[in-house]
C-alpha atoms as a PDB file:
ATOM      1  CA  MET A   1     -25.686 -28.547 -17.373  1.00  0.00           C
ATOM      2  CA  TYR A   2     -24.190 -25.579 -19.504  1.00  0.00           C
ATOM      3  CA  ASN A   3     -25.918 -22.775 -17.736  1.00  0.00           C
ATOM      4  CA  ILE A   4     -24.074 -20.510 -15.566  1.00  0.00           C
ATOM      5  CA  PRO A   5     -25.331 -19.451 -11.965  1.00  0.00           C
ATOM      6  CA  GLU A   6     -26.634 -16.117 -12.018  1.00  0.00           C
ATOM      7  CA  VAL A   7     -25.074 -13.852  -9.213  1.00  0.00           C
ATOM      8  CA  ASN A   8     -25.489  -9.868  -8.928  1.00  0.00           C
ATOM      9  CA  LEU A   9     -23.476  -8.627  -6.384  1.00  0.00           C
ATOM     10  CA  GLN A  10     -23.756  -4.891  -7.187  1.00  0.00           C
ATOM     11  CA  GLY A  11     -24.835  -2.630  -4.359  1.00  0.00           C
ATOM     12  CA  LYS A  12     -24.536  -5.886  -2.073  1.00  0.00           C
ATOM     13  CA  VAL A  13     -20.814  -5.386  -1.332  1.00  0.00           C
ATOM     14  CA  SER A  14     -18.645  -2.293  -0.150  1.00  0.00           C
ATOM     15  CA  ASP A  15     -17.496   0.249  -2.912  1.00  0.00           C
ATOM     16  CA  GLN A  16     -13.750  -0.854  -2.623  1.00  0.00           C
ATOM     17  CA  GLU A  17     -14.925  -4.438  -3.239  1.00  0.00           C
ATOM     18  CA  TRP A  18     -17.321  -3.426  -6.234  1.00  0.00           C
ATOM     19  CA  GLN A  19     -14.249  -1.655  -7.909  1.00  0.00           C
ATOM     20  CA  THR A  20     -11.780  -4.424  -7.239  1.00  0.00           C
ATOM     21  CA  ARG A  21     -14.278  -6.937  -8.941  1.00  0.00           C
ATOM     22  CA  VAL A  22     -14.842  -4.870 -12.032  1.00  0.00           C
ATOM     23  CA  GLU A  23     -11.301  -4.132 -12.513  1.00  0.00           C
ATOM     24  CA  LEU A  24     -10.187  -7.791 -11.920  1.00  0.00           C
ATOM     25  CA  ALA A  25     -13.324  -8.806 -14.290  1.00  0.00           C
ATOM     26  CA  ALA A  26     -11.924  -6.309 -16.817  1.00  0.00           C
ATOM     27  CA  CYS A  27      -8.345  -8.027 -16.194  1.00  0.00           C
ATOM     28  CA  TYR A  28      -9.762 -11.406 -17.182  1.00  0.00           C
ATOM     29  CA  ARG A  29     -11.326 -10.136 -20.469  1.00  0.00           C
ATOM     30  CA  LEU A  30      -8.173  -8.620 -21.552  1.00  0.00           C
ATOM     31  CA  LEU A  31      -6.449 -11.720 -21.388  1.00  0.00           C
ATOM     32  CA  VAL A  32      -9.011 -13.236 -23.890  1.00  0.00           C
ATOM     33  CA  MET A  33      -8.592 -10.145 -26.089  1.00  0.00           C
ATOM     34  CA  HIS A  34      -4.964 -10.741 -26.434  1.00  0.00           C
ATOM     35  CA  GLY A  35      -4.949 -14.564 -26.739  1.00  0.00           C
ATOM     36  CA  TRP A  36      -3.347 -15.038 -23.563  1.00  0.00           C
ATOM     37  CA  ASP A  37      -6.139 -17.359 -21.844  1.00  0.00           C
ATOM     38  CA  ASP A  38      -5.808 -21.062 -21.283  1.00  0.00           C
ATOM     39  CA  LEU A  39      -9.132 -22.724 -21.699  1.00  0.00           C
ATOM     40  CA  ILE A  40     -10.557 -22.383 -18.128  1.00  0.00           C
ATOM     41  CA  HIS A  41      -6.869 -22.412 -16.508  1.00  0.00           C
ATOM     42  CA  THR A  42      -4.396 -20.040 -15.098  1.00  0.00           C
ATOM     43  CA  HIS A  43      -5.394 -17.555 -12.582  1.00  0.00           C
ATOM     44  CA  VAL A  44      -5.423 -13.371 -11.712  1.00  0.00           C
ATOM     45  CA  SER A  45      -5.915 -12.682  -8.341  1.00  0.00           C
ATOM     46  CA  ALA A  46      -6.556  -9.500  -6.114  1.00  0.00           C
ATOM     47  CA  ARG A  47      -6.760  -8.314  -2.508  1.00  0.00           C
ATOM     48  CA  ILE A  48      -9.648  -6.374  -1.442  1.00  0.00           C
ATOM     49  CA  PRO A  49      -8.257  -3.083  -0.208  1.00  0.00           C
ATOM     50  CA  GLY A  50      -8.401  -2.938   3.634  1.00  0.00           C
ATOM     51  CA  THR A  51      -9.139  -6.738   4.019  1.00  0.00           C
ATOM     52  CA  GLU A  52      -7.239  -9.884   4.249  1.00  0.00           C
ATOM     53  CA  HIS A  53      -9.717 -11.491   1.591  1.00  0.00           C
ATOM     54  CA  LEU A  54      -9.034 -12.335  -2.041  1.00  0.00           C
ATOM     55  CA  LEU A  55     -11.122 -12.520  -5.557  1.00  0.00           C
ATOM     56  CA  ILE A  56      -9.992 -15.098  -7.540  1.00  0.00           C
ATOM     57  CA  ASN A  57     -11.832 -16.848 -11.099  1.00  0.00           C
ATOM     58  CA  ALA A  58     -14.740 -19.535 -10.303  1.00  0.00           C
ATOM     59  CA  PHE A  59     -13.407 -22.689 -11.658  1.00  0.00           C
ATOM     60  CA  GLY A  60     -14.961 -23.771 -14.839  1.00  0.00           C
ATOM     61  CA  LEU A  61     -15.487 -20.500 -16.227  1.00  0.00           C
ATOM     62  CA  ALA A  62     -13.849 -19.274 -19.568  1.00  0.00           C
ATOM     63  CA  PHE A  63     -12.157 -16.100 -18.921  1.00  0.00           C
ATOM     64  CA  GLU A  64     -14.613 -14.265 -21.283  1.00  0.00           C
ATOM     65  CA  GLU A  65     -17.637 -15.417 -18.781  1.00  0.00           C
ATOM     66  CA  VAL A  66     -15.914 -13.835 -15.848  1.00  0.00           C
ATOM     67  CA  THR A  67     -17.801 -10.995 -14.279  1.00  0.00           C
ATOM     68  CA  ALA A  68     -17.531  -8.397 -11.592  1.00  0.00           C
ATOM     69  CA  SER A  69     -20.327 -10.575  -9.742  1.00  0.00           C
ATOM     70  CA  ASN A  70     -19.124 -14.304 -10.165  1.00  0.00           C
ATOM     71  CA  LEU A  71     -15.669 -13.692  -8.997  1.00  0.00           C
ATOM     72  CA  VAL A  72     -15.157 -15.759  -5.798  1.00  0.00           C
ATOM     73  CA  LYS A  73     -14.271 -14.133  -2.548  1.00  0.00           C
ATOM     74  CA  ILE A  74     -11.747 -16.177  -0.383  1.00  0.00           C
ATOM     75  CA  ASP A  75      -9.366 -15.884   2.474  1.00  0.00           C
ATOM     76  CA  ILE A  76      -5.725 -16.270   2.461  1.00  0.00           C
ATOM     77  CA  GLU A  77      -6.266 -20.205   3.036  1.00  0.00           C
ATOM     78  CA  GLY A  78      -8.978 -20.632  -0.019  1.00  0.00           C
ATOM     79  CA  ASN A  79     -11.825 -21.019   1.846  1.00  0.00           C
ATOM     80  CA  VAL A  80     -14.726 -19.358   0.333  1.00  0.00           C
ATOM     81  CA  ILE A  81     -16.238 -16.733   2.279  1.00  0.00           C
ATOM     82  CA  ASP A  82     -19.774 -16.538   1.184  1.00  0.00           C
ATOM     83  CA  SER A  83     -21.266 -19.807   1.882  1.00  0.00           C
ATOM     84  CA  GLU A  84     -24.035 -19.478  -0.535  1.00  0.00           C
ATOM     85  CA  SER A  85     -21.819 -18.607  -3.696  1.00  0.00           C
ATOM     86  CA  PRO A  86     -22.362 -21.583  -6.318  1.00  0.00           C
ATOM     87  CA  PHE A  87     -18.824 -21.277  -7.432  1.00  0.00           C
ATOM     88  CA  THR A  88     -15.637 -23.261  -6.173  1.00  0.00           C
ATOM     89  CA  ILE A  89     -11.924 -22.435  -6.992  1.00  0.00           C
ATOM     90  CA  ASN A  90      -9.098 -24.375  -8.319  1.00  0.00           C
ATOM     91  CA  PRO A  91      -6.923 -25.573  -5.646  1.00  0.00           C
ATOM     92  CA  ALA A  92      -4.039 -25.897  -7.796  1.00  0.00           C
ATOM     93  CA  GLY A  93      -4.067 -22.400  -9.026  1.00  0.00           C
ATOM     94  CA  PHE A  94      -4.516 -21.090  -5.538  1.00  0.00           C
ATOM     95  CA  THR A  95      -1.213 -22.648  -4.164  1.00  0.00           C
ATOM     96  CA  ILE A  96       0.746 -20.432  -6.288  1.00  0.00           C
ATOM     97  CA  HIS A  97      -1.545 -17.181  -5.523  1.00  0.00           C
ATOM     98  CA  SER A  98      -1.796 -17.879  -1.401  1.00  0.00           C
ATOM     99  CA  ALA A  99       1.991 -17.979  -1.498  1.00  0.00           C
ATOM    100  CA  VAL A 100       2.637 -14.675  -3.246  1.00  0.00           C
ATOM    101  CA  HIS A 101      -0.109 -12.992  -1.419  1.00  0.00           C
ATOM    102  CA  ILE A 102       0.837 -14.167   1.785  1.00  0.00           C
ATOM    103  CA  ALA A 103       4.623 -12.811   0.918  1.00  0.00           C
ATOM    104  CA  ARG A 104       3.796  -9.676  -0.663  1.00  0.00           C
ATOM    105  CA  HIS A 105       1.208  -7.989   1.486  1.00  0.00           C
ATOM    106  CA  ASP A 106       1.461  -4.352  -0.401  1.00  0.00           C
ATOM    107  CA  ASP A 107       0.638  -5.821  -3.622  1.00  0.00           C
ATOM    108  CA  GLN A 108      -2.675  -5.929  -4.782  1.00  0.00           C
ATOM    109  CA  CYS A 109      -2.699  -8.461  -7.939  1.00  0.00           C
ATOM    110  CA  ALA A 110      -0.871 -11.744  -9.067  1.00  0.00           C
ATOM    111  CA  LEU A 111      -1.229 -12.610 -12.473  1.00  0.00           C
ATOM    112  CA  HIS A 112      -0.324 -16.144 -13.654  1.00  0.00           C
ATOM    113  CA  LEU A 113      -0.122 -17.467 -17.618  1.00  0.00           C
ATOM    114  CA  HIS A 114       0.351 -20.437 -19.474  1.00  0.00           C
ATOM    115  CA  HIS A 115       1.564 -18.525 -22.468  1.00  0.00           C
ATOM    116  CA  PRO A 116       3.845 -20.593 -25.029  1.00  0.00           C
ATOM    117  CA  ASP A 117       6.779 -18.251 -25.362  1.00  0.00           C
ATOM    118  CA  ALA A 118       6.872 -17.683 -21.661  1.00  0.00           C
ATOM    119  CA  ILE A 119       6.925 -21.691 -21.130  1.00  0.00           C
ATOM    120  CA  ALA A 120       9.809 -21.892 -24.037  1.00  0.00           C
ATOM    121  CA  VAL A 121      11.759 -18.952 -22.433  1.00  0.00           C
ATOM    122  CA  ALA A 122      11.319 -19.828 -19.046  1.00  0.00           C
ATOM    123  CA  SER A 123      12.642 -23.728 -19.969  1.00  0.00           C
ATOM    124  CA  CYS A 124      15.880 -22.245 -21.638  1.00  0.00           C
ATOM    125  CA  LYS A 125      18.745 -22.537 -19.083  1.00  0.00           C
ATOM    126  CA  GLN A 126      19.676 -18.785 -19.493  1.00  0.00           C
ATOM    127  CA  GLY A 127      16.158 -17.713 -19.126  1.00  0.00           C
ATOM    128  CA  LEU A 128      15.391 -14.079 -20.077  1.00  0.00           C
ATOM    129  CA  GLN A 129      18.111 -12.360 -21.944  1.00  0.00           C
ATOM    130  CA  PRO A 130      18.244  -8.800 -22.721  1.00  0.00           C
ATOM    131  CA  TYR A 131      17.290  -8.183 -26.353  1.00  0.00           C
ATOM    132  CA  SER A 132      14.693  -5.666 -26.087  1.00  0.00           C
ATOM    133  CA  GLN A 133      13.274  -2.699 -24.184  1.00  0.00           C
ATOM    134  CA  TYR A 134      10.544  -5.019 -22.666  1.00  0.00           C
ATOM    135  CA  SER A 135      13.126  -7.426 -21.676  1.00  0.00           C
ATOM    136  CA  ALA A 136      14.908  -4.491 -19.857  1.00  0.00           C
ATOM    137  CA  PHE A 137      11.722  -3.672 -17.628  1.00  0.00           C
ATOM    138  CA  ALA A 138      11.086  -7.481 -16.938  1.00  0.00           C
ATOM    139  CA  LEU A 139      15.065  -7.845 -15.995  1.00  0.00           C
ATOM    140  CA  ALA A 140      15.013  -5.241 -13.797  1.00  0.00           C
ATOM    141  CA  SER A 141      13.017  -7.193 -11.231  1.00  0.00           C
ATOM    142  CA  MET A 142      13.182 -10.787 -12.453  1.00  0.00           C
ATOM    143  CA  SER A 143      13.050 -13.763 -10.487  1.00  0.00           C
ATOM    144  CA  TYR A 144      12.982 -17.874 -11.407  1.00  0.00           C
ATOM    145  CA  HIS A 145      10.990 -20.806  -9.666  1.00  0.00           C
ATOM    146  CA  ASN A 146      11.845 -24.428 -10.857  1.00  0.00           C
ATOM    147  CA  TYR A 147       9.005 -26.669 -11.596  1.00  0.00           C
ATOM    148  CA  GLU A 148       7.750 -29.126  -8.869  1.00  0.00           C
ATOM    149  CA  GLY A 149       4.665 -30.315 -10.882  1.00  0.00           C
ATOM    150  CA  LEU A 150       1.185 -29.349 -10.394  1.00  0.00           C
ATOM    151  CA  ALA A 151       1.184 -26.767  -7.643  1.00  0.00           C
ATOM    152  CA  VAL A 152      -0.976 -28.292  -5.114  1.00  0.00           C
ATOM    153  CA  ASN A 153       1.895 -28.986  -2.587  1.00  0.00           C
ATOM    154  CA  PRO A 154       1.818 -26.558   0.103  1.00  0.00           C
ATOM    155  CA  ASP A 155       5.534 -27.345   0.827  1.00  0.00           C
ATOM    156  CA  GLU A 156       5.978 -25.368  -2.546  1.00  0.00           C
ATOM    157  CA  ILE A 157       4.602 -22.259  -1.055  1.00  0.00           C
ATOM    158  CA  LYS A 158       8.186 -21.435   0.928  1.00  0.00           C
ATOM    159  CA  ARG A 159       9.964 -21.905  -2.290  1.00  0.00           C
ATOM    160  CA  LEU A 160       7.920 -19.926  -4.412  1.00  0.00           C
ATOM    161  CA  GLN A 161       8.127 -17.325  -1.394  1.00  0.00           C
ATOM    162  CA  GLU A 162      11.833 -17.268  -1.600  1.00  0.00           C
ATOM    163  CA  ASN A 163      12.310 -17.419  -5.170  1.00  0.00           C
ATOM    164  CA  LEU A 164       9.896 -14.504  -5.671  1.00  0.00           C
ATOM    165  CA  GLY A 165      11.419 -12.216  -3.207  1.00  0.00           C
ATOM    166  CA  ASN A 166      10.591  -8.286  -4.376  1.00  0.00           C
ATOM    167  CA  ALA A 167      10.693  -9.102  -7.803  1.00  0.00           C
ATOM    168  CA  ASN A 168       7.710  -8.297  -9.798  1.00  0.00           C
ATOM    169  CA  PHE A 169       7.969 -10.673 -12.744  1.00  0.00           C
ATOM    170  CA  MET A 170       8.731 -14.298 -12.314  1.00  0.00           C
ATOM    171  CA  LEU A 171       9.463 -17.078 -15.005  1.00  0.00           C
ATOM    172  CA  LEU A 172       8.333 -20.490 -13.735  1.00  0.00           C
ATOM    173  CA  ARG A 173      10.262 -23.171 -15.239  1.00  0.00           C
ATOM    174  CA  ASN A 174       8.559 -25.391 -18.031  1.00  0.00           C
ATOM    175  CA  HIS A 175       5.390 -23.924 -16.568  1.00  0.00           C
ATOM    176  CA  GLY A 176       4.807 -20.093 -17.376  1.00  0.00           C
ATOM    177  CA  ALA A 177       4.810 -16.463 -15.927  1.00  0.00           C
ATOM    178  CA  LEU A 178       3.980 -14.720 -13.010  1.00  0.00           C
ATOM    179  CA  THR A 179       3.732 -11.024 -12.333  1.00  0.00           C
ATOM    180  CA  MET A 180       2.891  -8.886  -9.388  1.00  0.00           C
ATOM    181  CA  GLY A 181       1.283  -5.366  -8.928  1.00  0.00           C
ATOM    182  CA  VAL A 182       0.453  -2.687  -6.413  1.00  0.00           C
ATOM    183  CA  THR A 183      -2.517  -2.488  -8.573  1.00  0.00           C
ATOM    184  CA  ILE A 184      -4.495  -4.675 -11.215  1.00  0.00           C
ATOM    185  CA  GLY A 185      -3.503  -2.531 -13.703  1.00  0.00           C
ATOM    186  CA  ASP A 186       0.339  -3.079 -12.890  1.00  0.00           C
ATOM    187  CA  ALA A 187       0.233  -6.762 -12.928  1.00  0.00           C
ATOM    188  CA  PHE A 188      -1.347  -6.286 -16.169  1.00  0.00           C
ATOM    189  CA  MET A 189       1.043  -4.116 -17.455  1.00  0.00           C
ATOM    190  CA  HIS A 190       4.029  -6.182 -16.316  1.00  0.00           C
ATOM    191  CA  MET A 191       2.836  -9.230 -17.907  1.00  0.00           C
ATOM    192  CA  TYR A 192       2.234  -7.531 -20.969  1.00  0.00           C
ATOM    193  CA  ASP A 193       5.795  -6.446 -20.809  1.00  0.00           C
ATOM    194  CA  LEU A 194       7.142  -9.842 -20.084  1.00  0.00           C
ATOM    195  CA  LEU A 195       5.157 -11.786 -22.538  1.00  0.00           C
ATOM    196  CA  ARG A 196       6.304  -9.005 -25.402  1.00  0.00           C
ATOM    197  CA  ALA A 197       9.769  -9.675 -24.271  1.00  0.00           C
ATOM    198  CA  CYS A 198       9.561 -13.472 -24.607  1.00  0.00           C
ATOM    199  CA  GLU A 199       7.662 -13.169 -27.862  1.00  0.00           C
ATOM    200  CA  ILE A 200      10.747 -11.216 -29.195  1.00  0.00           C
ATOM    201  CA  GLN A 201      13.402 -13.404 -27.830  1.00  0.00           C
ATOM    202  CA  VAL A 202      11.615 -16.311 -29.647  1.00  0.00           C
ATOM    203  CA  LYS A 203      11.960 -14.459 -32.837  1.00  0.00           C
ATOM    204  CA  MET A 204      15.096 -13.451 -32.581  1.00  0.00           C
ATOM    205  CA  GLN A 205      16.664 -16.453 -31.315  1.00  0.00           C
ATOM    206  CA  ASN A 206      14.981 -18.217 -34.634  1.00  0.00           C
ATOM    207  CA  SER A 207      16.532 -15.482 -36.904  1.00  0.00           C
ATOM    208  CA  GLY A 208      19.928 -17.141 -37.112  1.00  0.00           C
ATOM    209  CA  ASP A 209      21.522 -13.733 -37.019  1.00  0.00           C
ATOM    210  CA  ASP A 210      23.900 -12.428 -34.216  1.00  0.00           C
ATOM    211  CA  LEU A 211      21.811 -10.448 -31.505  1.00  0.00           C
ATOM    212  CA  ILE A 212      22.463  -7.151 -30.081  1.00  0.00           C
ATOM    213  CA  ARG A 213      22.138  -7.174 -26.209  1.00  0.00           C
ATOM    214  CA  VAL A 214      20.858  -4.216 -24.001  1.00  0.00           C
ATOM    215  CA  ASP A 215      23.353  -2.788 -22.004  1.00  0.00           C
ATOM    216  CA  GLN A 216      23.134  -3.876 -18.234  1.00  0.00           C
ATOM    217  CA  SER A 217      24.009  -0.253 -17.323  1.00  0.00           C
ATOM    218  CA  ILE A 218      20.646   0.721 -19.344  1.00  0.00           C
ATOM    219  CA  ILE A 219      18.692  -2.106 -17.374  1.00  0.00           C
ATOM    220  CA  ASN A 220      20.024  -0.768 -13.915  1.00  0.00           C
ATOM    221  CA  GLY A 221      18.565   2.700 -14.637  1.00  0.00           C
ATOM    222  CA  ILE A 222      15.193   1.753 -16.683  1.00  0.00           C
ATOM    223  CA  LYS A 223      13.009   2.047 -13.837  1.00  0.00           C
ATOM    224  CA  ALA A 224      14.237   5.768 -13.130  1.00  0.00           C
ATOM    225  CA  GLN A 225      13.691   6.325 -16.816  1.00  0.00           C
ATOM    226  CA  ALA A 226       9.998   4.907 -16.879  1.00  0.00           C
ATOM    227  CA  SER A 227       9.132   7.189 -13.688  1.00  0.00           C
ATOM    228  CA  ILE A 228      10.006  10.421 -16.120  1.00  0.00           C
ATOM    229  CA  VAL A 229       7.799   8.902 -18.966  1.00  0.00           C
ATOM    230  CA  HIS A 230       5.023   7.895 -16.561  1.00  0.00           C
ATOM    231  CA  THR A 231       5.147  11.125 -14.625  1.00  0.00           C
ATOM    232  CA  GLY A 232       5.611   9.703 -11.528  1.00  0.00           C
ATOM    233  CA  GLN A 233       3.014   7.275 -11.968  1.00  0.00           C
ATOM    234  CA  THR A 234       3.377   3.594 -13.063  1.00  0.00           C
ATOM    235  CA  GLY A 235       2.931   2.064 -16.058  1.00  0.00           C
ATOM    236  CA  GLY A 236      -0.427   0.486 -14.889  1.00  0.00           C
ATOM    237  CA  GLN A 237      -2.033   3.853 -13.604  1.00  0.00           C
ATOM    238  CA  LYS A 238      -1.244   5.745 -16.821  1.00  0.00           C
ATOM    239  CA  ALA A 239      -2.307   2.856 -19.286  1.00  0.00           C
ATOM    240  CA  TRP A 240      -5.144   1.008 -17.203  1.00  0.00           C
ATOM    241  CA  PRO A 241      -7.982   3.537 -18.014  1.00  0.00           C
ATOM    242  CA  ALA A 242      -7.586   3.148 -21.578  1.00  0.00           C
ATOM    243  CA  MET A 243      -7.529  -0.587 -21.076  1.00  0.00           C
ATOM    244  CA  MET A 244     -10.942  -0.448 -19.007  1.00  0.00           C
ATOM    245  CA  ARG A 245     -12.435   1.286 -21.878  1.00  0.00           C
ATOM    246  CA  ARG A 246     -11.456  -1.055 -24.318  1.00  0.00           C
ATOM    247  CA  VAL A 247     -12.721  -3.774 -22.199  1.00  0.00           C
ATOM    248  CA  LYS A 248     -16.110  -2.081 -21.954  1.00  0.00           C
ATOM    249  CA  ARG A 249     -16.453  -1.475 -25.535  1.00  0.00           C
ATOM    250  CA  ALA A 250     -15.838  -5.552 -26.220  1.00  0.00           C
ATOM    251  CA  TYR A 251     -17.790  -6.572 -23.456  1.00  0.00           C
ATOM    252  CA  PRO A 252     -20.258  -4.418 -22.153  1.00  0.00           C
ATOM    253  CA  ASP A 253     -21.507  -6.942 -19.727  1.00  0.00           C
ATOM    254  CA  PHE A 254     -18.190  -7.615 -17.823  1.00  0.00           C
ATOM    255  CA  ASP A 255     -18.954  -5.031 -14.839  1.00  0.00           C
ATOM    256  CA  GLN A 256     -22.221  -6.619 -13.906  1.00  0.00           C
END
């Protein structure tokens, strides 16, 4: 009853799929390490390069139980590809992920969280404010989506896609946060910046002091500045190898 079915796919899938599985499992473990998980809820999904198939967490597993092998491979409609898989997925979580993967074919990863500070900022009428360097990164590519209840209504897909547009950051009103990334590392780093921005905003707004805002001209140029800092690479490409090593030290079995 409490045991997790044992699955070992190493050597049984393509190299690209295995690498995606390892990196996605690492991302789930990083969410635990940062305290961003929410019991068994929320999701990170990733497209297997060169395919129309996605990987997502098995419904019912805690994030520290996610491994490369027990991630579930599905098609864009949420059908499990491997008929022998012992796992299922959460249909409510998949509505959001199917919507954004259909709309953003060039992005590999979508990351959705229920962080309290993200919900607090998303639920403020003015949303994220330019109070920090982190907020400048997010505001350079920000979008919003109104709350429609549990994400199980297929009609919500079109509205999600329209609201997301080309943005890499989305605040879901009364709900949480979503980030997109060309790589899994990019989606993670985008979420890191967004949650830091939300945490700082909540603290600043509770300070009772007059708040200094980042000038819009700086936000407009922040992407160009970031490309200089990262020498032409994205933030995820630069930081991700270190994050992978951090996960391996903390959870030696995540890549099994």
